[in-house]
Structure formats: structure tokens, C-alpha cells
Amino acid sequence: MKTLILTGSPRKNGHTAEISAFLAQRLQGEVEILSLDHRTDITPCRDCRYCFTHDHCCIEDPMQEIYRKLNAADRIVFAAPVYFYGIPGSMKAVLDRLQVYWAAGVRGEKPPVTRTGGILLVGGAPESPKQFQGAEQTFQYMLGDLGVRCAGVVAMGGSDQKGLKDRPDVREALLRLADQLNQPV
């Protein structure tokens, strides 16, 4: 089993990295944590619609490596901080380039759901019921376009005041997600 955890945090040792590492240590098989932050070498999607008629993006850049990693993964996890109810810009630029997977549906080639994944979200503001809705929905759609069933969402609000060591509820949720991800699809 190969797991790819895509993170979008600009803080190398921040809370998103911490919960990603906590989860990664509990997953069976090969796990790669790939930071999408500071990926200025990824050209933004131009909505040229090339992928509406082709099974790949016409832009040749380092995104090709990310496509290969996504295609090779048995499990995919998106992990991001939530800033002002959205995901960081560098991660959003990469997600926009995932249009090629969405366009498979336009071409009548939508992949069957054969993989599993999850979503990890962190927010500094005090927790509120709608704090993570926008980011969660974006990632849910992305996982669906990739043919990935979401096994769970783990969200940790209030990270300006408390980290993972202070949050047994979040650690427990991460353990449950790891158990789900370790199950055969």
C-alpha cells in the first residue's frame, strides 16, 4: 500500500505537519508526505480545456511528477491549514491543475472509486461549526474526481492556543482514520 499525503502548510513544523506525521506513523506500507507549499514552479491552470479531449494536461511542468504520484497512490490524504475559511494559495494552484481528473467525467472516463483517502484540516481560530466547511467540500470533490472514497475528516480548530499534544480528541480521530485507511478497499 502506498499513501500520498499532500500538505499545503507554509509552516514546516506547524500543526498541519504534526497531524500529518502522526497519521503517517500509523499507516501501513509506504507513506510519502509531499509539501505543496512554495511550489512556484507549478503553472496555474489556464482553463484551456485541453483535458476535455485528452487524458492529460497540456502544460509540461513539475506538476507531471505530482500526477504520477497521485496515480501510483493507493491512499490519498489532503492536509491543510485553513486561512480565512480557505486553503493556502500554493495548494490551491496545485488543486486547480487536478482539473484533468475532473475532465475525465467530461470525456466519459470517470474512474471508479477504487482507492481510499482522508482529509486533515487545521485552523487557528477558536473552533466553530462552519470553520472548515469550504475547505472540506473542496477536498471531498477532489478525492471524488481522483476515484478516492473519503474514509474520514479530522479537523483541529483552536490551534493558536492548543496543539496536538493538548487534543486527545484529535489524536483519537487520527487513530480512527488510520484504522480506516489501513483497511483493504
N, C-alpha and C. Protein backbone atom coordinates (compact mmCIF):
# COMPACT_ATOMS: atom_id res chain seq x y z
N MET A 1 0.84 -1.18 0.00
CA MET A 1 0.00 0.00 0.00
C MET A 1 0.88 1.24 0.00
N LYS A 2 0.55 2.16 -0.89
CA LYS A 2 1.28 3.42 -0.97
C LYS A 2 0.32 4.55 -0.61
N THR A 3 0.74 5.40 0.32
CA THR A 3 -0.05 6.55 0.73
C THR A 3 0.69 7.82 0.34
N LEU A 4 -0.06 8.74 -0.25
CA LEU A 4 0.46 10.06 -0.55
C LEU A 4 -0.31 11.07 0.28
N ILE A 5 0.40 11.80 1.13
CA ILE A 5 -0.21 12.87 1.93
C ILE A 5 0.27 14.18 1.33
N LEU A 6 -0.65 14.95 0.77
CA LEU A 6 -0.33 16.25 0.17
C LEU A 6 -0.63 17.33 1.21
N THR A 7 0.40 18.08 1.59
CA THR A 7 0.20 19.12 2.59
C THR A 7 0.37 20.50 1.95
N GLY A 8 -0.34 21.47 2.51
CA GLY A 8 -0.29 22.81 1.96
C GLY A 8 0.12 23.88 2.94
N SER A 9 0.77 23.49 4.00
CA SER A 9 1.13 24.47 5.03
C SER A 9 2.47 25.15 4.74
N PRO A 10 2.53 26.46 4.90
CA PRO A 10 3.81 27.15 4.77
C PRO A 10 4.73 26.95 5.98
N ARG A 11 4.19 26.38 7.05
CA ARG A 11 5.00 26.17 8.26
C ARG A 11 5.49 24.72 8.29
N LYS A 12 6.79 24.53 8.09
CA LYS A 12 7.36 23.18 8.02
C LYS A 12 7.11 22.36 9.29
N ASN A 13 7.12 23.00 10.43
CA ASN A 13 6.93 22.30 11.69
C ASN A 13 5.66 22.73 12.40
N GLY A 14 4.67 23.15 11.63
CA GLY A 14 3.42 23.60 12.21
C GLY A 14 2.46 22.46 12.53
N HIS A 15 1.26 22.83 12.89
CA HIS A 15 0.25 21.85 13.31
C HIS A 15 -0.16 20.91 12.18
N THR A 16 -0.23 21.42 10.94
CA THR A 16 -0.59 20.55 9.82
C THR A 16 0.46 19.48 9.62
N ALA A 17 1.73 19.86 9.71
CA ALA A 17 2.82 18.88 9.60
C ALA A 17 2.75 17.88 10.75
N GLU A 18 2.41 18.36 11.93
CA GLU A 18 2.36 17.49 13.10
C GLU A 18 1.26 16.43 12.97
N ILE A 19 0.06 16.85 12.56
CA ILE A 19 -1.01 15.85 12.45
C ILE A 19 -0.77 14.92 11.25
N SER A 20 -0.14 15.43 10.20
CA SER A 20 0.20 14.59 9.05
C SER A 20 1.20 13.50 9.46
N ALA A 21 2.23 13.89 10.22
CA ALA A 21 3.23 12.93 10.68
C ALA A 21 2.62 11.92 11.65
N PHE A 22 1.73 12.38 12.53
CA PHE A 22 1.07 11.48 13.48
C PHE A 22 0.31 10.41 12.71
N LEU A 23 -0.45 10.82 11.70
CA LEU A 23 -1.20 9.86 10.89
C LEU A 23 -0.25 8.95 10.12
N ALA A 24 0.75 9.52 9.48
CA ALA A 24 1.68 8.76 8.65
C ALA A 24 2.35 7.63 9.44
N GLN A 25 2.69 7.90 10.69
CA GLN A 25 3.37 6.91 11.52
C GLN A 25 2.48 5.71 11.83
N ARG A 26 1.19 5.85 11.62
CA ARG A 26 0.25 4.79 11.96
C ARG A 26 -0.31 4.07 10.73
N LEU A 27 0.19 4.45 9.57
CA LEU A 27 -0.28 3.82 8.34
C LEU A 27 0.66 2.70 7.92
N GLN A 28 0.06 1.64 7.42
CA GLN A 28 0.83 0.51 6.93
C GLN A 28 1.34 0.82 5.52
N GLY A 29 2.47 0.24 5.17
CA GLY A 29 3.01 0.40 3.83
C GLY A 29 3.86 1.65 3.70
N GLU A 30 4.08 2.02 2.46
CA GLU A 30 4.91 3.18 2.13
C GLU A 30 4.09 4.47 2.23
N VAL A 31 4.66 5.46 2.91
CA VAL A 31 3.97 6.75 3.06
C VAL A 31 4.90 7.87 2.63
N GLU A 32 4.38 8.74 1.78
CA GLU A 32 5.14 9.94 1.38
C GLU A 32 4.33 11.17 1.75
N ILE A 33 4.98 12.10 2.43
CA ILE A 33 4.37 13.40 2.72
C ILE A 33 4.99 14.39 1.75
N LEU A 34 4.16 14.96 0.88
CA LEU A 34 4.62 15.88 -0.15
C LEU A 34 4.08 17.28 0.14
N SER A 35 4.98 18.19 0.44
CA SER A 35 4.58 19.58 0.71
C SER A 35 4.36 20.31 -0.61
N LEU A 36 3.23 20.94 -0.72
CA LEU A 36 2.91 21.73 -1.91
C LEU A 36 3.19 23.21 -1.71
N ASP A 37 3.61 23.56 -0.52
CA ASP A 37 3.90 24.96 -0.24
C ASP A 37 5.12 25.42 -1.02
N HIS A 38 5.09 26.66 -1.41
CA HIS A 38 6.20 27.29 -2.14
C HIS A 38 6.46 26.62 -3.48
N ARG A 39 5.44 25.98 -4.07
CA ARG A 39 5.61 25.36 -5.39
C ARG A 39 5.34 26.40 -6.47
N THR A 40 6.24 27.35 -6.59
CA THR A 40 6.09 28.40 -7.60
C THR A 40 6.43 27.87 -8.99
N ASP A 41 6.91 26.62 -9.06
CA ASP A 41 7.25 26.03 -10.35
C ASP A 41 6.04 25.36 -11.03
N ILE A 42 4.89 25.40 -10.38
CA ILE A 42 3.67 24.83 -10.94
C ILE A 42 2.89 25.95 -11.64
N THR A 43 2.69 25.81 -12.93
CA THR A 43 1.95 26.80 -13.70
C THR A 43 0.47 26.69 -13.36
N PRO A 44 -0.21 27.79 -13.11
CA PRO A 44 -1.65 27.72 -12.81
C PRO A 44 -2.44 27.19 -14.00
N CYS A 45 -3.57 26.58 -13.71
CA CYS A 45 -4.48 26.12 -14.76
C CYS A 45 -4.94 27.33 -15.57
N ARG A 46 -4.98 27.16 -16.89
CA ARG A 46 -5.40 28.25 -17.78
C ARG A 46 -6.81 28.04 -18.30
N ASP A 47 -7.46 26.98 -17.85
CA ASP A 47 -8.80 26.62 -18.33
C ASP A 47 -8.85 26.58 -19.85
N CYS A 48 -7.80 26.01 -20.44
CA CYS A 48 -7.74 25.91 -21.90
C CYS A 48 -8.62 24.78 -22.42
N ARG A 49 -9.01 23.89 -21.53
CA ARG A 49 -9.91 22.77 -21.80
C ARG A 49 -9.28 21.68 -22.67
N TYR A 50 -8.00 21.69 -22.77
CA TYR A 50 -7.28 20.62 -23.46
C TYR A 50 -7.65 19.27 -22.85
N CYS A 51 -7.75 19.24 -21.52
CA CYS A 51 -8.05 17.98 -20.82
C CYS A 51 -9.49 17.50 -21.06
N PHE A 52 -10.32 18.33 -21.68
CA PHE A 52 -11.68 17.90 -22.01
C PHE A 52 -11.65 16.84 -23.12
N THR A 53 -10.56 16.85 -23.91
CA THR A 53 -10.46 15.91 -25.03
C THR A 53 -9.21 15.03 -24.96
N HIS A 54 -8.36 15.25 -23.97
CA HIS A 54 -7.13 14.47 -23.80
C HIS A 54 -7.05 14.00 -22.35
N ASP A 55 -6.37 12.89 -22.11
CA ASP A 55 -6.29 12.34 -20.75
C ASP A 55 -5.12 12.91 -19.94
N HIS A 56 -4.62 14.05 -20.34
CA HIS A 56 -3.52 14.69 -19.62
C HIS A 56 -3.59 16.21 -19.84
N CYS A 57 -2.81 16.90 -19.04
CA CYS A 57 -2.73 18.35 -19.13
C CYS A 57 -1.70 18.73 -20.19
N CYS A 58 -1.96 19.79 -20.92
CA CYS A 58 -1.03 20.22 -21.97
C CYS A 58 0.16 20.98 -21.40
N ILE A 59 0.09 21.40 -20.16
CA ILE A 59 1.20 22.15 -19.56
C ILE A 59 2.26 21.16 -19.07
N GLU A 60 3.46 21.30 -19.57
CA GLU A 60 4.58 20.45 -19.16
C GLU A 60 5.40 21.20 -18.10
N ASP A 61 5.26 20.77 -16.86
CA ASP A 61 5.99 21.38 -15.76
C ASP A 61 6.10 20.36 -14.64
N PRO A 62 6.62 20.72 -13.47
CA PRO A 62 6.76 19.75 -12.38
C PRO A 62 5.45 19.13 -11.88
N MET A 63 4.32 19.63 -12.31
CA MET A 63 3.04 19.02 -11.94
C MET A 63 2.96 17.58 -12.45
N GLN A 64 3.70 17.28 -13.51
CA GLN A 64 3.68 15.92 -14.07
C GLN A 64 4.13 14.91 -13.01
N GLU A 65 5.09 15.29 -12.18
CA GLU A 65 5.56 14.41 -11.10
C GLU A 65 4.44 14.18 -10.09
N ILE A 66 3.69 15.23 -9.78
CA ILE A 66 2.57 15.09 -8.82
C ILE A 66 1.49 14.19 -9.41
N TYR A 67 1.20 14.33 -10.70
CA TYR A 67 0.23 13.43 -11.35
C TYR A 67 0.68 11.98 -11.20
N ARG A 68 1.96 11.71 -11.45
CA ARG A 68 2.47 10.34 -11.34
C ARG A 68 2.30 9.80 -9.92
N LYS A 69 2.61 10.64 -8.94
CA LYS A 69 2.48 10.21 -7.54
C LYS A 69 1.01 9.95 -7.18
N LEU A 70 0.12 10.82 -7.63
CA LEU A 70 -1.31 10.62 -7.38
C LEU A 70 -1.80 9.32 -8.02
N ASN A 71 -1.38 9.07 -9.24
CA ASN A 71 -1.82 7.87 -9.95
C ASN A 71 -1.29 6.59 -9.32
N ALA A 72 -0.12 6.65 -8.71
CA ALA A 72 0.51 5.48 -8.12
C ALA A 72 0.02 5.20 -6.70
N ALA A 73 -0.63 6.16 -6.07
CA ALA A 73 -1.03 6.02 -4.67
C ALA A 73 -2.29 5.16 -4.52
N ASP A 74 -2.27 4.31 -3.50
CA ASP A 74 -3.46 3.54 -3.12
C ASP A 74 -4.35 4.35 -2.19
N ARG A 75 -3.71 5.25 -1.44
CA ARG A 75 -4.43 6.12 -0.50
C ARG A 75 -3.93 7.55 -0.70
N ILE A 76 -4.87 8.49 -0.66
CA ILE A 76 -4.52 9.91 -0.82
C ILE A 76 -5.13 10.69 0.32
N VAL A 77 -4.32 11.50 0.97
CA VAL A 77 -4.78 12.34 2.07
C VAL A 77 -4.40 13.79 1.75
N PHE A 78 -5.38 14.68 1.86
CA PHE A 78 -5.13 16.11 1.74
C PHE A 78 -5.04 16.68 3.15
N ALA A 79 -3.99 17.46 3.42
CA ALA A 79 -3.79 18.06 4.73
C ALA A 79 -3.47 19.54 4.54
N ALA A 80 -4.23 20.40 5.22
CA ALA A 80 -4.01 21.83 5.02
C ALA A 80 -4.46 22.65 6.21
N PRO A 81 -3.78 23.76 6.42
CA PRO A 81 -4.33 24.75 7.35
C PRO A 81 -5.45 25.48 6.63
N VAL A 82 -6.35 26.02 7.38
CA VAL A 82 -7.45 26.80 6.80
C VAL A 82 -7.24 28.24 7.22
N TYR A 83 -6.99 29.07 6.21
CA TYR A 83 -6.78 30.50 6.44
C TYR A 83 -7.99 31.24 5.89
N PHE A 84 -8.68 31.97 6.72
CA PHE A 84 -9.84 32.74 6.30
C PHE A 84 -10.81 31.87 5.51
N TYR A 85 -11.06 30.67 6.04
CA TYR A 85 -12.05 29.71 5.54
C TYR A 85 -11.65 29.04 4.24
N GLY A 86 -10.40 29.17 3.81
CA GLY A 86 -9.94 28.52 2.58
C GLY A 86 -8.57 27.92 2.74
N ILE A 87 -8.13 27.24 1.71
CA ILE A 87 -6.82 26.60 1.74
C ILE A 87 -5.76 27.56 1.21
N PRO A 88 -4.50 27.36 1.58
CA PRO A 88 -3.43 28.25 1.13
C PRO A 88 -3.30 28.27 -0.40
N GLY A 89 -2.90 29.41 -0.93
CA GLY A 89 -2.83 29.62 -2.36
C GLY A 89 -1.95 28.64 -3.12
N SER A 90 -0.79 28.28 -2.58
CA SER A 90 0.09 27.36 -3.30
C SER A 90 -0.57 26.00 -3.47
N MET A 91 -1.32 25.57 -2.47
CA MET A 91 -2.03 24.29 -2.58
C MET A 91 -3.19 24.42 -3.55
N LYS A 92 -3.86 25.54 -3.53
CA LYS A 92 -4.99 25.76 -4.44
C LYS A 92 -4.53 25.73 -5.89
N ALA A 93 -3.36 26.27 -6.18
CA ALA A 93 -2.84 26.24 -7.55
C ALA A 93 -2.64 24.80 -8.03
N VAL A 94 -2.15 23.94 -7.15
CA VAL A 94 -1.98 22.53 -7.50
C VAL A 94 -3.34 21.87 -7.67
N LEU A 95 -4.27 22.16 -6.77
CA LEU A 95 -5.61 21.56 -6.88
C LEU A 95 -6.29 21.96 -8.18
N ASP A 96 -6.11 23.20 -8.60
CA ASP A 96 -6.71 23.64 -9.86
C ASP A 96 -6.20 22.81 -11.03
N ARG A 97 -4.97 22.38 -10.95
CA ARG A 97 -4.40 21.56 -12.02
C ARG A 97 -4.93 20.13 -11.99
N LEU A 98 -5.69 19.77 -10.95
CA LEU A 98 -6.33 18.46 -10.91
C LEU A 98 -7.58 18.43 -11.79
N GLN A 99 -7.83 19.52 -12.49
CA GLN A 99 -8.97 19.56 -13.41
C GLN A 99 -8.90 18.41 -14.40
N VAL A 100 -7.71 17.95 -14.72
CA VAL A 100 -7.56 16.85 -15.66
C VAL A 100 -8.33 15.61 -15.16
N TYR A 101 -8.41 15.41 -13.85
CA TYR A 101 -9.16 14.28 -13.30
C TYR A 101 -10.66 14.54 -13.38
N TRP A 102 -11.07 15.76 -13.09
CA TRP A 102 -12.48 16.12 -13.23
C TRP A 102 -12.93 15.96 -14.68
N ALA A 103 -12.07 16.37 -15.61
CA ALA A 103 -12.40 16.33 -17.03
C ALA A 103 -12.57 14.90 -17.54
N ALA A 104 -12.08 13.92 -16.82
CA ALA A 104 -12.31 12.53 -17.21
C ALA A 104 -13.82 12.26 -17.30
N GLY A 105 -14.58 12.89 -16.41
CA GLY A 105 -16.04 12.76 -16.46
C GLY A 105 -16.62 13.37 -17.73
N VAL A 106 -16.05 14.49 -18.17
CA VAL A 106 -16.49 15.13 -19.40
C VAL A 106 -16.22 14.19 -20.58
N ARG A 107 -15.10 13.49 -20.53
CA ARG A 107 -14.73 12.56 -21.60
C ARG A 107 -15.43 11.21 -21.46
N GLY A 108 -16.24 11.03 -20.40
CA GLY A 108 -16.91 9.75 -20.17
C GLY A 108 -15.99 8.68 -19.63
N GLU A 109 -14.92 9.12 -18.93
CA GLU A 109 -13.90 8.20 -18.43
C GLU A 109 -13.69 8.34 -16.93
N LYS A 110 -14.72 8.76 -16.20
CA LYS A 110 -14.56 8.97 -14.76
C LYS A 110 -14.11 7.66 -14.11
N PRO A 111 -13.05 7.73 -13.29
CA PRO A 111 -12.53 6.49 -12.70
C PRO A 111 -13.49 5.94 -11.63
N PRO A 112 -13.54 4.62 -11.53
CA PRO A 112 -14.34 4.04 -10.44
C PRO A 112 -13.65 4.32 -9.11
N VAL A 113 -14.41 4.28 -8.05
CA VAL A 113 -13.85 4.51 -6.72
C VAL A 113 -13.16 3.21 -6.28
N THR A 114 -11.84 3.22 -6.36
CA THR A 114 -11.05 2.03 -6.03
C THR A 114 -10.00 2.29 -4.97
N ARG A 115 -9.94 3.53 -4.51
CA ARG A 115 -8.93 3.89 -3.52
C ARG A 115 -9.61 4.56 -2.34
N THR A 116 -8.84 4.78 -1.31
CA THR A 116 -9.39 5.44 -0.12
C THR A 116 -8.48 6.60 0.27
N GLY A 117 -9.03 7.52 1.05
CA GLY A 117 -8.25 8.69 1.44
C GLY A 117 -8.88 9.39 2.62
N GLY A 118 -8.36 10.56 2.90
CA GLY A 118 -8.86 11.33 4.03
C GLY A 118 -8.48 12.79 3.90
N ILE A 119 -8.97 13.56 4.86
CA ILE A 119 -8.77 15.00 4.87
C ILE A 119 -8.35 15.41 6.28
N LEU A 120 -7.29 16.20 6.37
CA LEU A 120 -6.81 16.75 7.64
C LEU A 120 -6.85 18.27 7.53
N LEU A 121 -7.52 18.92 8.47
CA LEU A 121 -7.64 20.38 8.44
C LEU A 121 -7.28 20.97 9.79
N VAL A 122 -6.60 22.10 9.76
CA VAL A 122 -6.17 22.79 10.98
C VAL A 122 -6.54 24.26 10.86
N GLY A 123 -7.08 24.83 11.94
CA GLY A 123 -7.40 26.25 11.95
C GLY A 123 -7.02 26.87 13.28
N GLY A 124 -6.46 28.06 13.23
CA GLY A 124 -6.01 28.73 14.44
C GLY A 124 -7.12 29.38 15.23
N ALA A 125 -8.17 29.79 14.56
CA ALA A 125 -9.27 30.48 15.23
C ALA A 125 -9.98 29.53 16.19
N PRO A 126 -10.70 30.09 17.17
CA PRO A 126 -11.49 29.22 18.03
C PRO A 126 -12.45 28.39 17.17
N GLU A 127 -12.64 27.13 17.55
CA GLU A 127 -13.48 26.23 16.75
C GLU A 127 -14.90 26.76 16.63
N SER A 128 -15.43 26.61 15.42
CA SER A 128 -16.81 26.96 15.17
C SER A 128 -17.39 25.92 14.22
N PRO A 129 -18.71 25.74 14.22
CA PRO A 129 -19.33 24.67 13.43
C PRO A 129 -19.04 24.74 11.93
N LYS A 130 -18.86 25.93 11.38
CA LYS A 130 -18.69 26.06 9.93
C LYS A 130 -17.26 26.40 9.51
N GLN A 131 -16.35 26.37 10.44
CA GLN A 131 -14.97 26.80 10.21
C GLN A 131 -14.29 26.08 9.05
N PHE A 132 -14.56 24.80 8.86
CA PHE A 132 -13.83 24.02 7.88
C PHE A 132 -14.67 23.61 6.68
N GLN A 133 -15.92 24.07 6.60
CA GLN A 133 -16.83 23.59 5.56
C GLN A 133 -16.32 23.81 4.14
N GLY A 134 -15.84 25.00 3.83
CA GLY A 134 -15.39 25.29 2.47
C GLY A 134 -14.23 24.42 2.05
N ALA A 135 -13.21 24.32 2.90
CA ALA A 135 -12.03 23.51 2.58
C ALA A 135 -12.41 22.03 2.50
N GLU A 136 -13.24 21.58 3.42
CA GLU A 136 -13.65 20.17 3.41
C GLU A 136 -14.38 19.83 2.12
N GLN A 137 -15.29 20.67 1.71
CA GLN A 137 -16.05 20.39 0.49
C GLN A 137 -15.13 20.36 -0.73
N THR A 138 -14.19 21.29 -0.80
CA THR A 138 -13.23 21.31 -1.91
C THR A 138 -12.47 19.99 -1.97
N PHE A 139 -11.96 19.54 -0.84
CA PHE A 139 -11.19 18.30 -0.81
C PHE A 139 -12.07 17.08 -1.09
N GLN A 140 -13.31 17.10 -0.62
CA GLN A 140 -14.22 15.98 -0.91
C GLN A 140 -14.41 15.83 -2.41
N TYR A 141 -14.64 16.95 -3.10
CA TYR A 141 -14.79 16.90 -4.55
C TYR A 141 -13.52 16.40 -5.22
N MET A 142 -12.36 16.88 -4.76
CA MET A 142 -11.09 16.46 -5.36
C MET A 142 -10.88 14.96 -5.20
N LEU A 143 -11.15 14.44 -4.00
CA LEU A 143 -10.99 13.00 -3.79
C LEU A 143 -11.92 12.22 -4.73
N GLY A 144 -13.15 12.68 -4.86
CA GLY A 144 -14.09 12.03 -5.76
C GLY A 144 -13.60 12.00 -7.20
N ASP A 145 -13.05 13.12 -7.66
CA ASP A 145 -12.53 13.19 -9.02
C ASP A 145 -11.35 12.24 -9.22
N LEU A 146 -10.63 11.95 -8.15
CA LEU A 146 -9.48 11.05 -8.21
C LEU A 146 -9.89 9.58 -8.06
N GLY A 147 -11.18 9.30 -7.88
CA GLY A 147 -11.63 7.93 -7.66
C GLY A 147 -11.30 7.44 -6.27
N VAL A 148 -11.37 8.36 -5.28
CA VAL A 148 -10.99 8.05 -3.90
C VAL A 148 -12.20 8.24 -2.99
N ARG A 149 -12.48 7.21 -2.19
CA ARG A 149 -13.53 7.31 -1.17
C ARG A 149 -12.92 7.94 0.07
N CYS A 150 -13.57 8.95 0.59
CA CYS A 150 -13.07 9.62 1.80
C CYS A 150 -13.44 8.78 3.02
N ALA A 151 -12.42 8.30 3.72
CA ALA A 151 -12.62 7.48 4.92
C ALA A 151 -12.86 8.33 6.16
N GLY A 152 -12.57 9.63 6.06
CA GLY A 152 -12.81 10.47 7.21
C GLY A 152 -12.13 11.82 7.11
N VAL A 153 -12.65 12.73 7.91
CA VAL A 153 -12.12 14.09 8.01
C VAL A 153 -11.74 14.32 9.46
N VAL A 154 -10.54 14.81 9.67
CA VAL A 154 -10.10 15.18 11.02
C VAL A 154 -9.78 16.68 10.99
N ALA A 155 -10.48 17.43 11.82
CA ALA A 155 -10.29 18.88 11.88
C ALA A 155 -9.88 19.29 13.28
N MET A 156 -8.92 20.18 13.36
CA MET A 156 -8.45 20.69 14.65
C MET A 156 -8.48 22.21 14.63
N GLY A 157 -9.48 22.77 15.24
CA GLY A 157 -9.55 24.21 15.39
C GLY A 157 -8.84 24.65 16.66
N GLY A 158 -8.72 25.95 16.83
CA GLY A 158 -8.13 26.49 18.04
C GLY A 158 -6.64 26.24 18.17
N SER A 159 -5.96 25.99 17.05
CA SER A 159 -4.54 25.64 17.13
C SER A 159 -3.64 26.81 17.52
N ASP A 160 -4.19 28.02 17.56
CA ASP A 160 -3.40 29.15 18.07
C ASP A 160 -3.16 28.97 19.57
N GLN A 161 -4.04 28.23 20.23
CA GLN A 161 -3.95 28.05 21.67
C GLN A 161 -3.49 26.65 22.08
N LYS A 162 -3.88 25.62 21.28
CA LYS A 162 -3.57 24.24 21.67
C LYS A 162 -3.08 23.46 20.47
N GLY A 163 -2.06 22.62 20.71
CA GLY A 163 -1.54 21.74 19.68
C GLY A 163 -2.05 20.32 19.85
N LEU A 164 -1.53 19.42 19.07
CA LEU A 164 -1.98 18.04 19.08
C LEU A 164 -1.78 17.38 20.44
N LYS A 165 -0.71 17.72 21.12
CA LYS A 165 -0.46 17.12 22.44
C LYS A 165 -1.55 17.49 23.45
N ASP A 166 -2.23 18.61 23.22
CA ASP A 166 -3.30 19.06 24.11
C ASP A 166 -4.68 18.60 23.66
N ARG A 167 -4.74 17.84 22.58
CA ARG A 167 -6.02 17.48 21.98
C ARG A 167 -6.19 15.97 21.86
N PRO A 168 -6.56 15.30 22.96
CA PRO A 168 -6.78 13.85 22.86
C PRO A 168 -7.91 13.49 21.89
N ASP A 169 -8.88 14.38 21.73
CA ASP A 169 -9.97 14.12 20.79
C ASP A 169 -9.46 14.05 19.35
N VAL A 170 -8.53 14.90 19.01
CA VAL A 170 -7.97 14.91 17.65
C VAL A 170 -7.06 13.70 17.46
N ARG A 171 -6.26 13.37 18.46
CA ARG A 171 -5.42 12.17 18.36
C ARG A 171 -6.28 10.93 18.15
N GLU A 172 -7.37 10.84 18.90
CA GLU A 172 -8.29 9.70 18.76
C GLU A 172 -8.91 9.66 17.36
N ALA A 173 -9.29 10.80 16.84
CA ALA A 173 -9.85 10.87 15.48
C ALA A 173 -8.80 10.45 14.44
N LEU A 174 -7.56 10.83 14.64
CA LEU A 174 -6.48 10.42 13.73
C LEU A 174 -6.25 8.91 13.78
N LEU A 175 -6.34 8.34 14.97
CA LEU A 175 -6.20 6.89 15.11
C LEU A 175 -7.34 6.16 14.39
N ARG A 176 -8.56 6.69 14.52
CA ARG A 176 -9.70 6.08 13.81
C ARG A 176 -9.50 6.17 12.30
N LEU A 177 -9.03 7.32 11.83
CA LEU A 177 -8.79 7.48 10.40
C LEU A 177 -7.70 6.51 9.93
N ALA A 178 -6.63 6.37 10.69
CA ALA A 178 -5.57 5.42 10.34
C ALA A 178 -6.13 4.01 10.23
N ASP A 179 -6.97 3.62 11.18
CA ASP A 179 -7.60 2.29 11.13
C ASP A 179 -8.41 2.12 9.85
N GLN A 180 -9.17 3.14 9.48
CA GLN A 180 -9.97 3.09 8.25
C GLN A 180 -9.08 2.99 7.02
N LEU A 181 -8.02 3.78 6.99
CA LEU A 181 -7.13 3.78 5.83
C LEU A 181 -6.35 2.47 5.71
N ASN A 182 -6.10 1.81 6.82
CA ASN A 182 -5.36 0.56 6.79
C ASN A 182 -6.22 -0.63 6.36
N GLN A 183 -7.52 -0.42 6.23
CA GLN A 183 -8.42 -1.49 5.77
C GLN A 183 -8.29 -1.65 4.26
N PRO A 184 -8.42 -2.86 3.76
CA PRO A 184 -8.42 -3.02 2.30
C PRO A 184 -9.63 -2.33 1.70
N VAL A 185 -9.46 -1.84 0.49
CA VAL A 185 -10.56 -1.12 -0.19
C VAL A 185 -11.61 -2.12 -0.63
